[in-house]
Amino acid sequence: MNSREWRIVGMATLLMTINVALMYAFVLTPLAVVNDYLFAAPIVGVLVYGAALMVGEIIAEKGVKNGNMGTALAGVALLQLAFGTLGAGILSFAPRDVQVTALGIAGVITVLITFLIATYVYARSKSFDRWSTYANGSFILGVVGVGVGMLIPIVSLLGFVFIFFGFLLRLGWEIWRIRERRGTSEFLSAIGVYIAIAGVFVHVLQLVLRVMARD
């Protein structure tokens, strides 16, 4: 990796670190119960958070492309708020004294997943452009699955698996874009990687808490 790629990794890591801190802090605020209301009907939670992430990314991208850092940061702030609230809602089910441990374990697993995907992408010279299409398709299947799951509960689980898989594919695509499109804005690339990693992280966090709850 060259210096440009390391700068992107650094910015994405900073954004993710801030988001994890917000998740931990938001648990102590009314935002921690937002998930209870939104996911009372799972499809509502998926659509609301999906819309928030989409709008946040669009605003951030528009700000970067127009050279308006204020707009770009507003988009990032919306992304941080969305992921922070989602993560806090997940984290709130665990006792306060184990939340840091859960975040740490989820962080390590997410780093390992990211490393494996990055290694796979960098080890191959082929194009990963289609992974964006696959990711979007996986997200759509996930939303449909969660919607159908309101009638057939088991399908809802499959829907969330598709959403998780969508973030994994999105992460691989973002890493490939960094490798191939060197003219792309570093900050915009960092935002893309951050969104994908954060999406993976919240799913891993949920799994970690489920495992810890069984002990």
Protein backbone atom coordinates (compact mmCIF):
# COMPACT_ATOMS: atom_id res chain seq x y z
CA MET A 1 0.00 0.00 0.00
CA ASN A 2 1.21 3.49 -0.83
CA SER A 3 1.01 6.62 1.31
CA ARG A 4 -2.30 7.69 -0.23
CA GLU A 5 -3.92 4.39 0.63
CA TRP A 6 -2.61 4.56 4.20
CA ARG A 7 -4.07 8.07 4.58
CA ILE A 8 -7.47 6.75 3.49
CA VAL A 9 -7.18 3.87 5.95
CA GLY A 10 -6.23 6.34 8.67
CA MET A 11 -9.24 8.59 8.02
CA ALA A 12 -11.63 5.63 7.86
CA THR A 13 -10.17 4.28 11.10
CA LEU A 14 -10.63 7.65 12.79
CA LEU A 15 -14.26 7.87 11.67
CA MET A 16 -14.90 4.33 12.91
CA THR A 17 -13.19 5.00 16.24
CA ILE A 18 -15.34 8.08 16.79
CA ASN A 19 -18.43 6.06 15.94
CA VAL A 20 -17.60 3.31 18.43
CA ALA A 21 -17.11 5.96 21.11
CA LEU A 22 -20.51 7.44 20.22
CA MET A 23 -22.16 4.04 20.48
CA TYR A 24 -20.77 3.67 23.98
CA ALA A 25 -21.82 7.20 24.95
CA PHE A 26 -25.29 7.03 23.37
CA VAL A 27 -26.19 4.06 25.58
CA LEU A 28 -26.58 6.57 28.41
CA THR A 29 -28.95 8.77 26.40
CA PRO A 30 -32.55 8.43 25.16
CA LEU A 31 -31.12 7.42 21.77
CA ALA A 32 -30.48 3.96 23.21
CA VAL A 33 -34.20 3.16 23.06
CA VAL A 34 -34.75 4.33 19.48
CA ASN A 35 -34.20 0.77 18.22
CA ASP A 36 -37.00 -0.47 20.48
CA TYR A 37 -39.48 1.70 18.61
CA LEU A 38 -38.08 1.31 15.10
CA PHE A 39 -37.56 -2.45 15.22
CA ALA A 40 -40.93 -3.11 16.82
CA ALA A 41 -41.67 -3.67 13.14
CA PRO A 42 -38.24 -4.78 11.80
CA ILE A 43 -38.88 -3.52 8.29
CA VAL A 44 -39.38 0.00 9.66
CA GLY A 45 -36.01 -0.08 11.40
CA VAL A 46 -34.28 -1.37 8.28
CA LEU A 47 -35.87 1.28 6.05
CA VAL A 48 -35.25 4.17 8.46
CA TYR A 49 -31.60 3.35 9.05
CA GLY A 50 -31.09 2.51 5.39
CA ALA A 51 -32.53 5.88 4.39
CA ALA A 52 -30.39 7.70 6.96
CA LEU A 53 -27.22 6.06 5.68
CA MET A 54 -28.12 6.72 2.06
CA VAL A 55 -28.94 10.38 2.68
CA GLY A 56 -25.84 10.87 4.82
CA GLU A 57 -23.60 9.43 2.13
CA ILE A 58 -25.23 11.51 -0.61
CA ILE A 59 -24.82 14.72 1.41
CA ALA A 60 -21.19 13.92 2.22
CA GLU A 61 -20.42 13.06 -1.40
CA LYS A 62 -22.07 16.24 -2.64
CA GLY A 63 -20.09 18.32 -0.17
CA VAL A 64 -16.78 16.75 -1.17
CA LYS A 65 -17.42 17.09 -4.90
CA ASN A 66 -18.51 20.73 -4.52
CA GLY A 67 -15.58 21.56 -2.27
CA ASN A 68 -17.96 22.41 0.58
CA MET A 69 -16.45 20.83 3.69
CA GLY A 70 -19.35 21.99 5.86
CA THR A 71 -21.82 20.00 3.78
CA ALA A 72 -19.48 17.01 3.69
CA LEU A 73 -19.14 17.03 7.47
CA ALA A 74 -22.92 17.35 7.85
CA GLY A 75 -23.29 14.15 5.84
CA VAL A 76 -20.66 12.43 7.96
CA ALA A 77 -22.43 13.64 11.11
CA LEU A 78 -25.67 12.03 9.93
CA LEU A 79 -23.82 8.78 9.27
CA GLN A 80 -22.23 8.93 12.72
CA LEU A 81 -25.61 9.60 14.32
CA ALA A 82 -27.27 6.72 12.48
CA PHE A 83 -24.59 4.14 13.21
CA GLY A 84 -24.10 5.48 16.73
CA THR A 85 -27.79 5.16 17.54
CA LEU A 86 -28.05 1.71 15.97
CA GLY A 87 -24.97 0.49 17.83
CA ALA A 88 -26.13 1.98 21.13
CA GLY A 89 -29.46 0.21 20.81
CA ILE A 90 -27.68 -3.10 20.27
CA LEU A 91 -25.22 -2.42 23.08
CA SER A 92 -27.92 -1.42 25.56
CA PHE A 93 -28.95 -5.06 26.02
CA ALA A 94 -25.61 -5.79 27.70
CA PRO A 95 -24.64 -4.75 31.25
CA ARG A 96 -22.51 -1.61 31.31
CA ASP A 97 -19.50 -3.46 32.71
CA VAL A 98 -19.25 -5.77 29.68
CA GLN A 99 -19.99 -3.24 26.96
CA VAL A 100 -16.36 -2.21 26.47
CA THR A 101 -15.36 -5.86 26.23
CA ALA A 102 -18.07 -6.51 23.64
CA LEU A 103 -16.99 -3.49 21.61
CA GLY A 104 -13.37 -4.62 21.79
CA ILE A 105 -14.12 -8.17 20.65
CA ALA A 106 -16.36 -6.91 17.84
CA GLY A 107 -13.62 -4.48 16.83
CA VAL A 108 -10.97 -7.19 16.63
CA ILE A 109 -13.23 -9.48 14.60
CA THR A 110 -14.14 -6.63 12.24
CA VAL A 111 -10.47 -5.77 11.73
CA LEU A 112 -9.73 -9.41 10.90
CA ILE A 113 -12.62 -9.55 8.43
CA THR A 114 -11.43 -6.32 6.81
CA PHE A 115 -7.88 -7.65 6.61
CA LEU A 116 -9.03 -10.88 4.96
CA ILE A 117 -11.15 -9.04 2.39
CA ALA A 118 -8.37 -6.54 1.67
CA THR A 119 -5.85 -9.37 1.26
CA TYR A 120 -8.19 -11.13 -1.15
CA VAL A 121 -8.73 -7.97 -3.21
CA TYR A 122 -5.07 -6.94 -3.34
CA ALA A 123 -3.92 -10.48 -4.15
CA ARG A 124 -5.96 -10.48 -7.35
CA SER A 125 -5.57 -8.23 -10.35
CA LYS A 126 -9.13 -8.75 -11.56
CA SER A 127 -11.89 -6.16 -11.38
CA PHE A 128 -14.23 -6.15 -8.40
CA ASP A 129 -16.57 -3.58 -9.93
CA ARG A 130 -19.45 -6.06 -9.98
CA TRP A 131 -19.26 -6.37 -6.21
CA SER A 132 -21.12 -3.07 -5.99
CA THR A 133 -23.99 -4.57 -7.97
CA TYR A 134 -23.88 -7.73 -5.88
CA ALA A 135 -23.90 -5.65 -2.69
CA ASN A 136 -26.92 -3.65 -3.81
CA GLY A 137 -28.69 -6.85 -4.80
CA SER A 138 -27.92 -8.34 -1.41
CA PHE A 139 -29.29 -5.25 0.34
CA ILE A 140 -32.49 -5.45 -1.69
CA LEU A 141 -32.90 -9.14 -0.90
CA GLY A 142 -32.29 -8.29 2.73
CA VAL A 143 -35.01 -5.66 2.81
CA VAL A 144 -37.43 -8.00 1.05
CA GLY A 145 -36.52 -10.79 3.47
CA VAL A 146 -37.11 -8.61 6.52
CA GLY A 147 -40.42 -7.47 5.06
CA VAL A 148 -41.57 -11.03 4.38
CA GLY A 149 -40.29 -11.93 7.83
CA MET A 150 -43.14 -9.94 9.35
CA LEU A 151 -45.37 -12.77 8.12
CA ILE A 152 -42.85 -15.62 8.23
CA PRO A 153 -40.41 -14.82 11.09
CA ILE A 154 -37.64 -17.21 10.01
CA VAL A 155 -37.28 -15.32 6.72
CA SER A 156 -36.45 -12.15 8.66
CA LEU A 157 -33.24 -13.76 9.91
CA LEU A 158 -32.27 -14.58 6.35
CA GLY A 159 -32.96 -10.97 5.42
CA PHE A 160 -30.49 -9.67 8.00
CA VAL A 161 -27.92 -12.20 6.76
CA PHE A 162 -28.27 -10.74 3.26
CA ILE A 163 -27.81 -7.21 4.64
CA PHE A 164 -24.66 -8.30 6.47
CA PHE A 165 -23.37 -9.96 3.31
CA GLY A 166 -24.15 -6.75 1.42
CA PHE A 167 -21.85 -4.77 3.71
CA LEU A 168 -19.09 -7.35 3.23
CA LEU A 169 -19.38 -7.03 -0.54
CA ARG A 170 -19.52 -3.24 -0.27
CA LEU A 171 -16.31 -3.32 1.78
CA GLY A 172 -14.54 -5.38 -0.86
CA TRP A 173 -15.72 -3.00 -3.58
CA GLU A 174 -14.58 0.07 -1.64
CA ILE A 175 -11.14 -1.46 -1.09
CA TRP A 176 -10.91 -2.25 -4.80
CA ARG A 177 -11.81 1.35 -5.66
CA ILE A 178 -8.96 2.56 -3.47
CA ARG A 179 -6.60 0.21 -5.27
CA GLU A 180 -7.72 1.11 -8.78
CA ARG A 181 -9.06 4.66 -8.83
CA ARG A 182 -6.23 6.76 -7.54
CA GLY A 183 -7.82 10.01 -8.69
CA THR A 184 -10.79 9.64 -6.32
CA SER A 185 -10.98 12.04 -3.37
CA GLU A 186 -9.21 10.54 -0.37
CA PHE A 187 -11.87 11.77 2.04
CA LEU A 188 -14.68 10.37 -0.10
CA SER A 189 -12.90 7.03 -0.32
CA ALA A 190 -12.44 7.03 3.45
CA ILE A 191 -16.15 7.69 3.96
CA GLY A 192 -17.03 4.77 1.70
CA VAL A 193 -14.73 2.40 3.57
CA TYR A 194 -16.00 3.68 6.91
CA ILE A 195 -19.66 3.03 5.97
CA ALA A 196 -18.87 -0.52 4.92
CA ILE A 197 -16.80 -1.26 8.02
CA ALA A 198 -19.42 0.27 10.33
CA GLY A 199 -22.09 -1.87 8.69
CA VAL A 200 -20.03 -4.98 9.28
CA PHE A 201 -19.22 -3.90 12.84
CA VAL A 202 -22.80 -3.49 14.05
CA HIS A 203 -23.69 -6.95 12.78
CA VAL A 204 -20.62 -8.49 14.41
CA LEU A 205 -21.41 -6.63 17.64
CA GLN A 206 -24.86 -8.15 17.72
CA LEU A 207 -23.43 -11.64 17.25
CA VAL A 208 -20.80 -11.06 19.94
CA LEU A 209 -23.44 -9.96 22.44
CA ARG A 210 -25.57 -13.01 21.66
CA VAL A 211 -22.62 -15.31 22.34
CA MET A 212 -21.68 -13.46 25.53
CA ALA A 213 -25.27 -13.66 26.76
CA ARG A 214 -25.12 -17.46 26.61
CA ASP A 215 -22.10 -17.64 28.92
